[in-house]
Amino acid sequence: MDFLEKIGDTISAKGKEAADKAKELAEVANLKSQIATCEEIMKRNYMEIGKIYFEQYGSMPEAPFEKQCRAIENAKKGVEDLRAKIDEIKGV
């Protein structure tokens, strides 16, 4: 019986280790998910700050923002030109 008890104890110990590891992995996954949510909130707010800045100061940006504001203006012009080409192709 001693042999069977040792096997049972070993199986119980390994089962507990596996359960503990699974719990740890689940906790880490949950925390990583919360981190991703926080980072997404930060990203959206950074973009919103940039949008507000551009709307208010895009026509006369401060030196550190000139390049980005000019790139946005160029991209907006590009979108307008491409939409005009689409309308032309459609015959609108």
Foldseek 3Di string as FASTA:
>chain_A
DVVVVVVVVVVVVVVVVVVVVVVVVVVVVVVVVVVVVVVVVVVVVVVVVVVVCCVVCLVPDDVVCVVVSVVVVVVVVVVVVVVVVVCVVVVD
